PDB file of N, CA and C in Angstrom:
ATOM      1  N   UNK A   1       1.781  -2.154 -22.723  1.00  0.00           N
ATOM      2  CA  UNK A   1       0.615  -1.304 -22.679  1.00  0.00           C
ATOM      3  C   UNK A   1       0.996   0.016 -22.019  1.00  0.00           C
ATOM      4  N   UNK A   2       0.700   1.077 -22.696  1.00  0.00           N
ATOM      5  CA  UNK A   2       0.946   2.403 -22.133  1.00  0.00           C
ATOM      6  C   UNK A   2      -0.220   2.783 -21.236  1.00  0.00           C
ATOM      7  N   UNK A   3       0.060   3.680 -20.297  1.00  0.00           N
ATOM      8  CA  UNK A   3      -1.031   4.127 -19.436  1.00  0.00           C
ATOM      9  C   UNK A   3      -0.779   5.535 -18.924  1.00  0.00           C
ATOM     10  N   UNK A   4      -1.851   6.118 -18.417  1.00  0.00           N
ATOM     11  CA  UNK A   4      -1.823   7.477 -17.872  1.00  0.00           C
ATOM     12  C   UNK A   4      -2.129   7.489 -16.378  1.00  0.00           C
ATOM     13  N   UNK A   5      -1.902   6.381 -15.728  1.00  0.00           N
ATOM     14  CA  UNK A   5      -2.248   6.273 -14.305  1.00  0.00           C
ATOM     15  C   UNK A   5      -1.485   7.299 -13.476  1.00  0.00           C
ATOM     16  N   UNK A   6      -0.192   7.410 -13.692  1.00  0.00           N
ATOM     17  CA  UNK A   6       0.611   8.361 -12.907  1.00  0.00           C
ATOM     18  C   UNK A   6       0.115   9.789 -13.111  1.00  0.00           C
ATOM     19  N   UNK A   7      -0.243  10.129 -14.331  1.00  0.00           N
ATOM     20  CA  UNK A   7      -0.726  11.481 -14.615  1.00  0.00           C
ATOM     21  C   UNK A   7      -2.037  11.763 -13.865  1.00  0.00           C
ATOM     22  N   UNK A   8      -2.962  10.815 -13.912  1.00  0.00           N
ATOM     23  CA  UNK A   8      -4.229  10.978 -13.188  1.00  0.00           C
ATOM     24  C   UNK A   8      -3.979  11.056 -11.688  1.00  0.00           C
ATOM     25  N   UNK A   9      -3.089  10.184 -11.208  1.00  0.00           N
ATOM     26  CA  UNK A   9      -2.801  10.151  -9.760  1.00  0.00           C
ATOM     27  C   UNK A   9      -2.203  11.470  -9.300  1.00  0.00           C
ATOM     28  N   UNK A  10      -1.216  11.964 -10.034  1.00  0.00           N
ATOM     29  CA  UNK A  10      -0.561  13.221  -9.650  1.00  0.00           C
ATOM     30  C   UNK A  10      -1.519  14.397  -9.743  1.00  0.00           C
ATOM     31  N   UNK A  11      -2.369  14.412 -10.777  1.00  0.00           N
ATOM     32  CA  UNK A  11      -3.355  15.500 -10.924  1.00  0.00           C
ATOM     33  C   UNK A  11      -4.334  15.516  -9.758  1.00  0.00           C
ATOM     34  N   UNK A  12      -4.586  14.338  -9.197  1.00  0.00           N
ATOM     35  CA  UNK A  12      -5.488  14.242  -8.044  1.00  0.00           C
ATOM     36  C   UNK A  12      -4.768  14.514  -6.729  1.00  0.00           C
ATOM     37  N   UNK A  13      -3.456  14.719  -6.787  1.00  0.00           N
ATOM     38  CA  UNK A  13      -2.686  15.007  -5.581  1.00  0.00           C
ATOM     39  C   UNK A  13      -2.497  13.800  -4.681  1.00  0.00           C
ATOM     40  N   UNK A  14      -2.487  12.608  -5.271  1.00  0.00           N
ATOM     41  CA  UNK A  14      -2.352  11.383  -4.486  1.00  0.00           C
ATOM     42  C   UNK A  14      -0.956  10.786  -4.600  1.00  0.00           C
ATOM     43  N   UNK A  15      -0.500  10.183  -3.528  1.00  0.00           N
ATOM     44  CA  UNK A  15       0.724   9.392  -3.587  1.00  0.00           C
ATOM     45  C   UNK A  15       0.364   8.009  -4.121  1.00  0.00           C
ATOM     46  N   UNK A  16       1.370   7.248  -4.496  1.00  0.00           N
ATOM     47  CA  UNK A  16       1.121   5.867  -4.916  1.00  0.00           C
ATOM     48  C   UNK A  16       0.453   5.088  -3.785  1.00  0.00           C
ATOM     49  N   UNK A  17       0.885   5.311  -2.562  1.00  0.00           N
ATOM     50  CA  UNK A  17       0.318   4.597  -1.425  1.00  0.00           C
ATOM     51  C   UNK A  17      -1.153   4.958  -1.227  1.00  0.00           C
ATOM     52  N   UNK A  18      -1.486   6.229  -1.372  1.00  0.00           N
ATOM     53  CA  UNK A  18      -2.878   6.645  -1.202  1.00  0.00           C
ATOM     54  C   UNK A  18      -3.794   6.010  -2.250  1.00  0.00           C
ATOM     55  N   UNK A  19      -3.321   5.965  -3.498  1.00  0.00           N
ATOM     56  CA  UNK A  19      -4.113   5.310  -4.535  1.00  0.00           C
ATOM     57  C   UNK A  19      -4.223   3.820  -4.247  1.00  0.00           C
ATOM     58  N   UNK A  20      -3.125   3.209  -3.859  1.00  0.00           N
ATOM     59  CA  UNK A  20      -3.141   1.776  -3.531  1.00  0.00           C
ATOM     60  C   UNK A  20      -4.141   1.486  -2.420  1.00  0.00           C
ATOM     61  N   UNK A  21      -4.119   2.295  -1.378  1.00  0.00           N
ATOM     62  CA  UNK A  21      -5.060   2.112  -0.264  1.00  0.00           C
ATOM     63  C   UNK A  21      -6.505   2.271  -0.731  1.00  0.00           C
ATOM     64  N   UNK A  22      -6.735   3.222  -1.609  1.00  0.00           N
ATOM     65  CA  UNK A  22      -8.097   3.508  -2.072  1.00  0.00           C
ATOM     66  C   UNK A  22      -8.692   2.356  -2.876  1.00  0.00           C
ATOM     67  N   UNK A  23      -7.834   1.620  -3.597  1.00  0.00           N
ATOM     68  CA  UNK A  23      -8.369   0.526  -4.420  1.00  0.00           C
ATOM     69  C   UNK A  23      -7.969  -0.848  -3.875  1.00  0.00           C
ATOM     70  N   UNK A  24      -7.367  -0.848  -2.687  1.00  0.00           N
ATOM     71  CA  UNK A  24      -7.056  -2.089  -1.978  1.00  0.00           C
ATOM     72  C   UNK A  24      -6.038  -2.982  -2.697  1.00  0.00           C
ATOM     73  N   UNK A  25      -4.934  -2.358  -3.136  1.00  0.00           N
ATOM     74  CA  UNK A  25      -3.799  -3.094  -3.693  1.00  0.00           C
ATOM     75  C   UNK A  25      -2.535  -2.569  -3.013  1.00  0.00           C
ATOM     76  N   UNK A  26      -1.404  -3.160  -3.337  1.00  0.00           N
ATOM     77  CA  UNK A  26      -0.146  -2.695  -2.752  1.00  0.00           C
ATOM     78  C   UNK A  26       0.401  -1.487  -3.510  1.00  0.00           C
ATOM     79  N   UNK A  27       1.250  -0.721  -2.836  1.00  0.00           N
ATOM     80  CA  UNK A  27       1.923   0.406  -3.497  1.00  0.00           C
ATOM     81  C   UNK A  27       2.764  -0.111  -4.652  1.00  0.00           C
ATOM     82  N   UNK A  28       3.376  -1.276  -4.475  1.00  0.00           N
ATOM     83  CA  UNK A  28       4.206  -1.864  -5.535  1.00  0.00           C
ATOM     84  C   UNK A  28       3.371  -2.145  -6.784  1.00  0.00           C
ATOM     85  N   UNK A  29       2.128  -2.570  -6.600  1.00  0.00           N
ATOM     86  CA  UNK A  29       1.257  -2.796  -7.758  1.00  0.00           C
ATOM     87  C   UNK A  29       1.062  -1.506  -8.530  1.00  0.00           C
ATOM     88  N   UNK A  30       0.792  -0.422  -7.830  1.00  0.00           N
ATOM     89  CA  UNK A  30       0.614   0.875  -8.500  1.00  0.00           C
ATOM     90  C   UNK A  30       1.900   1.274  -9.214  1.00  0.00           C
ATOM     91  N   UNK A  31       3.024   1.116  -8.557  1.00  0.00           N
ATOM     92  CA  UNK A  31       4.304   1.463  -9.159  1.00  0.00           C
ATOM     93  C   UNK A  31       4.565   0.677 -10.439  1.00  0.00           C
ATOM     94  N   UNK A  32       4.320  -0.626 -10.398  1.00  0.00           N
ATOM     95  CA  UNK A  32       4.606  -1.442 -11.583  1.00  0.00           C
ATOM     96  C   UNK A  32       3.599  -1.196 -12.707  1.00  0.00           C
ATOM     97  N   UNK A  33       2.371  -0.838 -12.359  1.00  0.00           N
ATOM     98  CA  UNK A  33       1.402  -0.462 -13.391  1.00  0.00           C
ATOM     99  C   UNK A  33       1.848   0.840 -14.051  1.00  0.00           C
ATOM    100  N   UNK A  34       2.208   1.825 -13.236  1.00  0.00           N
ATOM    101  CA  UNK A  34       2.601   3.137 -13.774  1.00  0.00           C
ATOM    102  C   UNK A  34       3.820   3.053 -14.688  1.00  0.00           C
ATOM    103  N   UNK A  35       4.725   2.147 -14.402  1.00  0.00           N
ATOM    104  CA  UNK A  35       5.945   2.025 -15.212  1.00  0.00           C
ATOM    105  C   UNK A  35       5.788   0.982 -16.316  1.00  0.00           C
ATOM    106  N   UNK A  36       4.581   0.483 -16.502  1.00  0.00           N
ATOM    107  CA  UNK A  36       4.258  -0.500 -17.538  1.00  0.00           C
ATOM    108  C   UNK A  36       5.029  -1.806 -17.413  1.00  0.00           C
ATOM    109  N   UNK A  37       5.488  -2.117 -16.206  1.00  0.00           N
ATOM    110  CA  UNK A  37       6.135  -3.408 -15.973  1.00  0.00           C
ATOM    111  C   UNK A  37       5.111  -4.480 -15.644  1.00  0.00           C
ATOM    112  N   UNK A  38       3.873  -4.076 -15.396  1.00  0.00           N
ATOM    113  CA  UNK A  38       2.804  -4.990 -15.041  1.00  0.00           C
ATOM    114  C   UNK A  38       1.521  -4.515 -15.712  1.00  0.00           C
ATOM    115  N   UNK A  39       0.869  -5.416 -16.420  1.00  0.00           N
ATOM    116  CA  UNK A  39      -0.433  -5.104 -17.006  1.00  0.00           C
ATOM    117  C   UNK A  39      -1.491  -5.520 -15.992  1.00  0.00           C
ATOM    118  N   UNK A  40      -2.283  -4.579 -15.538  1.00  0.00           N
ATOM    119  CA  UNK A  40      -3.244  -4.899 -14.475  1.00  0.00           C
ATOM    120  C   UNK A  40      -4.361  -5.808 -14.968  1.00  0.00           C
ATOM    121  N   UNK A  41      -4.943  -6.525 -14.041  1.00  0.00           N
ATOM    122  CA  UNK A  41      -6.132  -7.313 -14.348  1.00  0.00           C
ATOM    123  C   UNK A  41      -7.270  -6.355 -14.697  1.00  0.00           C
ATOM    124  N   UNK A  42      -8.296  -6.890 -15.279  1.00  0.00           N
ATOM    125  CA  UNK A  42      -9.470  -6.082 -15.604  1.00  0.00           C
ATOM    126  C   UNK A  42     -10.041  -5.463 -14.331  1.00  0.00           C
ATOM    127  N   UNK A  43     -10.061  -6.216 -13.259  1.00  0.00           N
ATOM    128  CA  UNK A  43     -10.618  -5.713 -12.002  1.00  0.00           C
ATOM    129  C   UNK A  43      -9.819  -4.519 -11.493  1.00  0.00           C
ATOM    130  N   UNK A  44      -8.495  -4.622 -11.496  1.00  0.00           N
ATOM    131  CA  UNK A  44      -7.664  -3.500 -11.029  1.00  0.00           C
ATOM    132  C   UNK A  44      -7.824  -2.310 -11.956  1.00  0.00           C
ATOM    133  N   UNK A  45      -7.824  -2.543 -13.268  1.00  0.00           N
ATOM    134  CA  UNK A  45      -7.998  -1.443 -14.222  1.00  0.00           C
ATOM    135  C   UNK A  45      -9.336  -0.733 -13.993  1.00  0.00           C
ATOM    136  N   UNK A  46     -10.394  -1.513 -13.762  1.00  0.00           N
ATOM    137  CA  UNK A  46     -11.706  -0.915 -13.501  1.00  0.00           C
ATOM    138  C   UNK A  46     -11.720  -0.143 -12.189  1.00  0.00           C
ATOM    139  N   UNK A  47     -11.079  -0.670 -11.159  1.00  0.00           N
ATOM    140  CA  UNK A  47     -11.019   0.038  -9.877  1.00  0.00           C
ATOM    141  C   UNK A  47     -10.303   1.376 -10.024  1.00  0.00           C
ATOM    142  N   UNK A  48      -9.210   1.384 -10.766  1.00  0.00           N
ATOM    143  CA  UNK A  48      -8.474   2.639 -10.974  1.00  0.00           C
ATOM    144  C   UNK A  48      -9.347   3.627 -11.747  1.00  0.00           C
ATOM    145  N   UNK A  49      -9.976   3.152 -12.812  1.00  0.00           N
ATOM    146  CA  UNK A  49     -10.832   4.030 -13.617  1.00  0.00           C
ATOM    147  C   UNK A  49     -11.991   4.582 -12.787  1.00  0.00           C
ATOM    148  N   UNK A  50     -12.629   3.723 -12.004  1.00  0.00           N
ATOM    149  CA  UNK A  50     -13.728   4.190 -11.157  1.00  0.00           C
ATOM    150  C   UNK A  50     -13.261   5.208 -10.132  1.00  0.00           C
ATOM    151  N   UNK A  51     -12.074   4.981  -9.581  1.00  0.00           N
ATOM    152  CA  UNK A  51     -11.542   5.918  -8.587  1.00  0.00           C
ATOM    153  C   UNK A  51     -11.380   7.312  -9.190  1.00  0.00           C
ATOM    154  N   UNK A  52     -10.942   7.364 -10.449  1.00  0.00           N
ATOM    155  CA  UNK A  52     -10.728   8.652 -11.098  1.00  0.00           C
ATOM    156  C   UNK A  52     -11.942   9.102 -11.920  1.00  0.00           C
ATOM    157  N   UNK A  53     -13.056   8.360 -11.805  1.00  0.00           N
ATOM    158  CA  UNK A  53     -14.276   8.711 -12.524  1.00  0.00           C
ATOM    159  C   UNK A  53     -14.014   8.907 -14.017  1.00  0.00           C
ATOM    160  N   UNK A  54     -13.321   7.937 -14.613  1.00  0.00           N
ATOM    161  CA  UNK A  54     -13.001   7.983 -16.032  1.00  0.00           C
ATOM    162  C   UNK A  54     -13.138   6.582 -16.604  1.00  0.00           C
ATOM    163  N   UNK A  55     -12.903   6.450 -17.881  1.00  0.00           N
ATOM    164  CA  UNK A  55     -13.001   5.141 -18.530  1.00  0.00           C
ATOM    165  C   UNK A  55     -11.645   4.439 -18.522  1.00  0.00           C
ATOM    166  N   UNK A  56     -11.701   3.142 -18.624  1.00  0.00           N
ATOM    167  CA  UNK A  56     -10.467   2.357 -18.727  1.00  0.00           C
ATOM    168  C   UNK A  56      -9.687   2.803 -19.963  1.00  0.00           C
ATOM    169  N   UNK A  57     -10.408   3.100 -21.042  1.00  0.00           N
ATOM    170  CA  UNK A  57      -9.764   3.526 -22.291  1.00  0.00           C
ATOM    171  C   UNK A  57      -9.024   4.852 -22.148  1.00  0.00           C
ATOM    172  N   UNK A  58      -9.441   5.682 -21.206  1.00  0.00           N
ATOM    173  CA  UNK A  58      -8.738   6.949 -20.966  1.00  0.00           C
ATOM    174  C   UNK A  58      -7.433   6.732 -20.219  1.00  0.00           C
ATOM    175  N   UNK A  59      -7.362   5.635 -19.473  1.00  0.00           N
ATOM    176  CA  UNK A  59      -6.173   5.346 -18.669  1.00  0.00           C
ATOM    177  C   UNK A  59      -5.168   4.444 -19.362  1.00  0.00           C
ATOM    178  N   UNK A  60      -5.659   3.475 -20.122  1.00  0.00           N
ATOM    179  CA  UNK A  60      -4.793   2.451 -20.697  1.00  0.00           C
ATOM    180  C   UNK A  60      -4.903   2.439 -22.210  1.00  0.00           C
ATOM    181  N   UNK A  61      -3.725   2.350 -22.864  1.00  0.00           N
ATOM    182  CA  UNK A  61      -3.668   2.382 -24.323  1.00  0.00           C
ATOM    183  C   UNK A  61      -2.850   1.200 -24.815  1.00  0.00           C
ATOM    184  N   UNK A  62      -3.397   0.475 -25.774  1.00  0.00           N
ATOM    185  CA  UNK A  62      -2.630  -0.599 -26.398  1.00  0.00           C
ATOM    186  C   UNK A  62      -1.614   0.022 -27.347  1.00  0.00           C
ATOM    187  N   UNK A  63      -0.413  -0.516 -27.360  1.00  0.00           N
ATOM    188  CA  UNK A  63       0.543  -0.077 -28.363  1.00  0.00           C
ATOM    189  C   UNK A  63       0.687  -1.183 -29.403  1.00  0.00           C
ATOM    190  N   UNK A  64       1.451  -0.947 -30.428  1.00  0.00           N
ATOM    191  CA  UNK A  64       1.527  -1.893 -31.545  1.00  0.00           C
ATOM    192  C   UNK A  64       2.115  -3.241 -31.152  1.00  0.00           C
ATOM    193  N   UNK A  65       2.765  -3.351 -30.017  1.00  0.00           N
ATOM    194  CA  UNK A  65       3.369  -4.608 -29.585  1.00  0.00           C
ATOM    195  C   UNK A  65       2.444  -5.435 -28.715  1.00  0.00           C
ATOM    196  N   UNK A  66       1.302  -4.905 -28.348  1.00  0.00           N
ATOM    197  CA  UNK A  66       0.362  -5.628 -27.466  1.00  0.00           C
ATOM    198  C   UNK A  66      -0.535  -6.554 -28.261  1.00  0.00           C
TER     199      UNK A  66
END
């Protein structure tokens, strides 16, 4: 699954740790989501989307292999 989490995070001027703290997950979780090594749960995806005041669909994109 592709995502735009890093782009949203950087545009907001946040570090991975700051985003992790804001949504109550580890920095490693943010890192692995951003690099597509981990597909977040619905709850984490919703928390990220709510933090950036956007939709889950704006952040996460299914690719042909999903």
